[in-house]
Structures are given as C-alpha cells and as structure tokens.
C-alpha atoms as a PDB file:
ATOM      1  CA  UNK A   1      39.832 -79.798  67.155  1.00  0.00           C
ATOM      2  CA  UNK A   2      42.891 -81.282  65.566  1.00  0.00           C
ATOM      3  CA  UNK A   3      45.846 -80.778  67.757  1.00  0.00           C
ATOM      4  CA  UNK A   4      43.316 -81.400  70.968  1.00  0.00           C
ATOM      5  CA  UNK A   5      42.972 -84.030  73.207  1.00  0.00           C
ATOM      6  CA  UNK A   6      39.504 -85.844  73.551  1.00  0.00           C
ATOM      7  CA  UNK A   7      38.760 -87.556  76.648  1.00  0.00           C
ATOM      8  CA  UNK A   8      35.742 -89.673  76.984  1.00  0.00           C
ATOM      9  CA  UNK A   9      34.370 -90.302  80.391  1.00  0.00           C
ATOM     10  CA  UNK A  10      34.422 -88.081  83.280  1.00  0.00           C
ATOM     11  CA  UNK A  11      35.116 -90.308  86.097  1.00  0.00           C
ATOM     12  CA  UNK A  12      38.236 -90.147  88.437  1.00  0.00           C
ATOM     13  CA  UNK A  13      40.584 -91.174  85.781  1.00  0.00           C
ATOM     14  CA  UNK A  14      39.310 -88.832  82.844  1.00  0.00           C
ATOM     15  CA  UNK A  15      38.905 -86.180  85.110  1.00  0.00           C
ATOM     16  CA  UNK A  16      42.107 -86.577  86.550  1.00  0.00           C
ATOM     17  CA  UNK A  17      43.745 -86.758  82.953  1.00  0.00           C
ATOM     18  CA  UNK A  18      41.797 -83.469  81.760  1.00  0.00           C
ATOM     19  CA  UNK A  19      43.033 -81.613  84.851  1.00  0.00           C
ATOM     20  CA  UNK A  20      46.717 -82.664  84.230  1.00  0.00           C
ATOM     21  CA  UNK A  21      46.745 -81.738  80.547  1.00  0.00           C
ATOM     22  CA  UNK A  22      45.032 -78.491  81.240  1.00  0.00           C
ATOM     23  CA  UNK A  23      47.452 -77.660  84.028  1.00  0.00           C
ATOM     24  CA  UNK A  24      50.182 -78.057  81.284  1.00  0.00           C
ATOM     25  CA  UNK A  25      48.452 -76.114  78.531  1.00  0.00           C
ATOM     26  CA  UNK A  26      47.434 -78.857  76.229  1.00  0.00           C
ATOM     27  CA  UNK A  27      44.107 -78.228  74.494  1.00  0.00           C
ATOM     28  CA  UNK A  28      41.726 -80.660  76.200  1.00  0.00           C
ATOM     29  CA  UNK A  29      37.761 -81.575  75.634  1.00  0.00           C
ATOM     30  CA  UNK A  30      36.205 -83.912  78.041  1.00  0.00           C
ATOM     31  CA  UNK A  31      32.615 -85.424  77.558  1.00  0.00           C
ATOM     32  CA  UNK A  32      30.645 -87.872  79.397  1.00  0.00           C
ATOM     33  CA  UNK A  33      27.166 -89.533  78.200  1.00  0.00           C
ATOM     34  CA  UNK A  34      25.931 -89.035  82.015  1.00  0.00           C
ATOM     35  CA  UNK A  35      23.721 -86.101  82.592  1.00  0.00           C
ATOM     36  CA  UNK A  36      25.610 -85.523  86.191  1.00  0.00           C
ATOM     37  CA  UNK A  37      28.362 -86.437  88.368  1.00  0.00           C
ATOM     38  CA  UNK A  38      27.865 -90.003  90.064  1.00  0.00           C
ATOM     39  CA  UNK A  39      26.118 -90.492  92.928  1.00  0.00           C
ATOM     40  CA  UNK A  40      27.555 -93.959  93.728  1.00  0.00           C
ATOM     41  CA  UNK A  41      31.092 -95.049  95.041  1.00  0.00           C
ATOM     42  CA  UNK A  42      32.985 -97.754  93.273  1.00  0.00           C
ATOM     43  CA  UNK A  43      36.038 -96.456  94.856  1.00  0.00           C
ATOM     44  CA  UNK A  44      36.509 -95.523  98.480  1.00  0.00           C
ATOM     45  CA  UNK A  45      40.163 -94.830  99.225  1.00  0.00           C
ATOM     46  CA  UNK A  46      43.075 -92.655  97.782  1.00  0.00           C
ATOM     47  CA  UNK A  47      46.510 -93.894  98.349  1.00  0.00           C
ATOM     48  CA  UNK A  48      49.596 -92.064  99.277  1.00  0.00           C
ATOM     49  CA  UNK A  49      50.889 -91.843  95.724  1.00  0.00           C
ATOM     50  CA  UNK A  50      47.615 -90.721  94.471  1.00  0.00           C
ATOM     51  CA  UNK A  51      47.660 -87.905  97.116  1.00  0.00           C
ATOM     52  CA  UNK A  52      51.230 -86.745  96.025  1.00  0.00           C
ATOM     53  CA  UNK A  53      50.050 -86.546  92.372  1.00  0.00           C
ATOM     54  CA  UNK A  54      46.897 -84.357  93.758  1.00  0.00           C
ATOM     55  CA  UNK A  55      49.160 -82.314  95.639  1.00  0.00           C
ATOM     56  CA  UNK A  56      51.089 -81.353  92.298  1.00  0.00           C
ATOM     57  CA  UNK A  57      47.275 -80.330  91.176  1.00  0.00           C
ATOM     58  CA  UNK A  58      47.421 -77.947  93.983  1.00  0.00           C
ATOM     59  CA  UNK A  59      44.288 -79.395  95.762  1.00  0.00           C
ATOM     60  CA  UNK A  60      45.670 -81.703  98.170  1.00  0.00           C
ATOM     61  CA  UNK A  61      44.068 -79.813 100.996  1.00  0.00           C
ATOM     62  CA  UNK A  62      40.399 -79.980  99.703  1.00  0.00           C
ATOM     63  CA  UNK A  63      40.683 -83.830  99.496  1.00  0.00           C
ATOM     64  CA  UNK A  64      42.123 -83.996 103.182  1.00  0.00           C
ATOM     65  CA  UNK A  65      39.359 -81.762 104.470  1.00  0.00           C
ATOM     66  CA  UNK A  66      36.733 -84.048 102.393  1.00  0.00           C
ATOM     67  CA  UNK A  67      37.789 -87.556 103.553  1.00  0.00           C
ATOM     68  CA  UNK A  68      38.695 -89.424 106.754  1.00  0.00           C
ATOM     69  CA  UNK A  69      42.551 -90.462 107.184  1.00  0.00           C
ATOM     70  CA  UNK A  70      43.088 -94.048 108.115  1.00  0.00           C
ATOM     71  CA  UNK A  71      46.297 -95.060 109.460  1.00  0.00           C
ATOM     72  CA  UNK A  72      45.388 -98.634 109.186  1.00  0.00           C
ATOM     73  CA  UNK A  73      43.197-101.498 108.799  1.00  0.00           C
ATOM     74  CA  UNK A  74      41.864-104.564 110.420  1.00  0.00           C
ATOM     75  CA  UNK A  75      40.849-107.395 108.409  1.00  0.00           C
ATOM     76  CA  UNK A  76      38.936-110.259 109.989  1.00  0.00           C
ATOM     77  CA  UNK A  77      36.737-113.179 109.113  1.00  0.00           C
ATOM     78  CA  UNK A  78      34.023-111.865 111.454  1.00  0.00           C
ATOM     79  CA  UNK A  79      35.368-114.028 114.197  1.00  0.00           C
ATOM     80  CA  UNK A  80      38.984-113.995 113.813  1.00  0.00           C
ATOM     81  CA  UNK A  81      41.613-111.308 113.200  1.00  0.00           C
ATOM     82  CA  UNK A  82      43.220-112.181 109.942  1.00  0.00           C
ATOM     83  CA  UNK A  83      45.842-108.989 109.655  1.00  0.00           C
ATOM     84  CA  UNK A  84      46.348-105.748 111.295  1.00  0.00           C
ATOM     85  CA  UNK A  85      48.207-103.323 109.001  1.00  0.00           C
ATOM     86  CA  UNK A  86      49.612-100.074 109.447  1.00  0.00           C
ATOM     87  CA  UNK A  87      50.024 -97.561 106.880  1.00  0.00           C
ATOM     88  CA  UNK A  88      52.521 -94.868 109.241  1.00  0.00           C
ATOM     89  CA  UNK A  89      55.735 -96.429 107.806  1.00  0.00           C
ATOM     90  CA  UNK A  90      54.892 -95.772 104.192  1.00  0.00           C
ATOM     91  CA  UNK A  91      57.561 -93.333 102.999  1.00  0.00           C
ATOM     92  CA  UNK A  92      55.281 -90.620 101.836  1.00  0.00           C
ATOM     93  CA  UNK A  93      54.411 -87.134 102.760  1.00  0.00           C
ATOM     94  CA  UNK A  94      50.697 -88.844 103.277  1.00  0.00           C
ATOM     95  CA  UNK A  95      51.410 -92.117 105.265  1.00  0.00           C
ATOM     96  CA  UNK A  96      47.883 -92.871 105.359  1.00  0.00           C
ATOM     97  CA  UNK A  97      44.972 -93.784 103.423  1.00  0.00           C
ATOM     98  CA  UNK A  98      42.362 -91.348 102.694  1.00  0.00           C
ATOM     99  CA  UNK A  99      38.813 -92.839 102.739  1.00  0.00           C
ATOM    100  CA  UNK A 100      36.644 -90.389 100.425  1.00  0.00           C
ATOM    101  CA  UNK A 101      33.711 -91.713  98.202  1.00  0.00           C
ATOM    102  CA  UNK A 102      34.173 -91.640  94.531  1.00  0.00           C
ATOM    103  CA  UNK A 103      31.397 -89.005  94.317  1.00  0.00           C
ATOM    104  CA  UNK A 104      33.595 -86.330  96.187  1.00  0.00           C
ATOM    105  CA  UNK A 105      36.690 -87.154  94.423  1.00  0.00           C
ATOM    106  CA  UNK A 106      34.745 -86.524  91.236  1.00  0.00           C
ATOM    107  CA  UNK A 107      33.459 -83.266  92.614  1.00  0.00           C
ATOM    108  CA  UNK A 108      36.669 -82.206  93.573  1.00  0.00           C
ATOM    109  CA  UNK A 109      38.479 -82.917  90.524  1.00  0.00           C
ATOM    110  CA  UNK A 110      35.610 -81.313  88.587  1.00  0.00           C
ATOM    111  CA  UNK A 111      35.888 -78.046  90.110  1.00  0.00           C
ATOM    112  CA  UNK A 112      39.356 -77.785  89.822  1.00  0.00           C
ATOM    113  CA  UNK A 113      38.832 -78.380  86.147  1.00  0.00           C
ATOM    114  CA  UNK A 114      36.652 -75.614  85.937  1.00  0.00           C
ATOM    115  CA  UNK A 115      38.928 -73.539  87.824  1.00  0.00           C
ATOM    116  CA  UNK A 116      40.987 -74.014  84.759  1.00  0.00           C
ATOM    117  CA  UNK A 117      38.370 -73.068  82.620  1.00  0.00           C
ATOM    118  CA  UNK A 118      37.037 -76.330  81.143  1.00  0.00           C
ATOM    119  CA  UNK A 119      33.883 -77.968  81.808  1.00  0.00           C
ATOM    120  CA  UNK A 120      32.709 -81.477  81.217  1.00  0.00           C
ATOM    121  CA  UNK A 121      30.419 -81.537  78.399  1.00  0.00           C
ATOM    122  CA  UNK A 122      27.513 -83.775  79.993  1.00  0.00           C
ATOM    123  CA  UNK A 123      24.925 -85.641  78.009  1.00  0.00           C
ATOM    124  CA  UNK A 124      27.638 -86.165  75.015  1.00  0.00           C
ATOM    125  CA  UNK A 125      28.312 -89.665  73.899  1.00  0.00           C
ATOM    126  CA  UNK A 126      30.754 -91.202  71.771  1.00  0.00           C
ATOM    127  CA  UNK A 127      29.011 -92.991  69.259  1.00  0.00           C
ATOM    128  CA  UNK A 128      31.917 -93.522  66.571  1.00  0.00           C
ATOM    129  CA  UNK A 129      35.453 -93.825  66.517  1.00  0.00           C
ATOM    130  CA  UNK A 130      37.768 -94.060  63.349  1.00  0.00           C
ATOM    131  CA  UNK A 131      41.616 -94.407  63.540  1.00  0.00           C
ATOM    132  CA  UNK A 132      43.579 -92.180  61.000  1.00  0.00           C
ATOM    133  CA  UNK A 133      47.099 -92.219  60.303  1.00  0.00           C
ATOM    134  CA  UNK A 134      47.794 -88.551  61.977  1.00  0.00           C
ATOM    135  CA  UNK A 135      44.490 -88.472  64.466  1.00  0.00           C
ATOM    136  CA  UNK A 136      41.570 -90.040  65.750  1.00  0.00           C
ATOM    137  CA  UNK A 137      38.082 -89.259  64.188  1.00  0.00           C
ATOM    138  CA  UNK A 138      35.375 -89.393  66.536  1.00  0.00           C
ATOM    139  CA  UNK A 139      31.631 -88.708  66.339  1.00  0.00           C
ATOM    140  CA  UNK A 140      29.722 -87.005  69.273  1.00  0.00           C
ATOM    141  CA  UNK A 141      26.225 -86.814  69.830  1.00  0.00           C
ATOM    142  CA  UNK A 142      24.827 -84.305  72.461  1.00  0.00           C
ATOM    143  CA  UNK A 143      21.649 -84.446  74.703  1.00  0.00           C
ATOM    144  CA  UNK A 144      19.553 -82.587  71.528  1.00  0.00           C
ATOM    145  CA  UNK A 145      20.587 -85.537  69.134  1.00  0.00           C
ATOM    146  CA  UNK A 146      23.101 -83.027  67.393  1.00  0.00           C
ATOM    147  CA  UNK A 147      26.001 -84.986  66.124  1.00  0.00           C
ATOM    148  CA  UNK A 148      29.431 -83.522  65.585  1.00  0.00           C
ATOM    149  CA  UNK A 149      32.462 -85.220  63.782  1.00  0.00           C
ATOM    150  CA  UNK A 150      35.750 -84.198  65.312  1.00  0.00           C
ATOM    151  CA  UNK A 151      39.425 -85.078  65.082  1.00  0.00           C
ATOM    152  CA  UNK A 152      41.877 -85.266  67.976  1.00  0.00           C
ATOM    153  CA  UNK A 153      45.443 -86.298  68.116  1.00  0.00           C
END
C-alpha cells in the first residue's frame, strides 16, 4: 500500500478528504470501525465556504436538494431577542446556511466516493500505528478478526 493515503474514519472530514484525494488521482483507502454511516447528527449546518468546496466536487446541487436554505438566524433567551443575523450579505455564491443533518452529508459524500470507484471499508478498525522514516505503518482488523499490516505515506 505504500504510495497510498490511509484515512481512518468515514465521518464528514474523512469522506471529504477521500473524495478530494480521489478527484486528484491520489490513491486512497478509507476505513471505519462502524458497520454503517451514522444515523445521528453532530452537525446541522454547512456554511458558504463549505458549499463552495462541495461545488468543486461537482455535487453541490445534491446538497442543496437535500437541505433547507436558511437566510438568517434569530437567537433568543426564550423571552428576549438577543440577535437577528442575516446571511444574505455574505460574499459567496451561497450567501446562506444550509441546514442538513450529518447523516445526509455523509450519505452524499459516500455516494460521490463510490462514483469515483472507492468504497468505505466498514467494520475495519485501526489497532496499531507506527511512525517510520518515510511512511506510517498501520495495523487494521476487519469484522472477521483478520489483521492486516499496511504502510501509507
């Protein structure tokens, strides 16, 4: 596997990195110990700059279709308005916040990754890591208990 990038974790960051590396022809392998994408949401909003980067991936239209556009936010104590913030003045092609659950973000990124010919290796966990002079040695274990030693740059 030398010459390849190993990504451990298929959340939004890992998936985004895998898609971007694959788009640029960098060999990549992505593993995650979870059996499936999350059905929970730790993140609910994508901001303008994120949407600009997703546009470069060629899938911003899918995100816009799956989310809800928010042009502002009102923050209150429950009794008193503290702030009324508008996003329309943001200098971007996407002057808004896109409300989208993390599970949808992961689904869309994983679908794009599959279009690029890669799949997340589920139920595969990192159990060892060793820094070497020119690479990183990693030990992975899959769902059957099989262990594999790999090297990545």
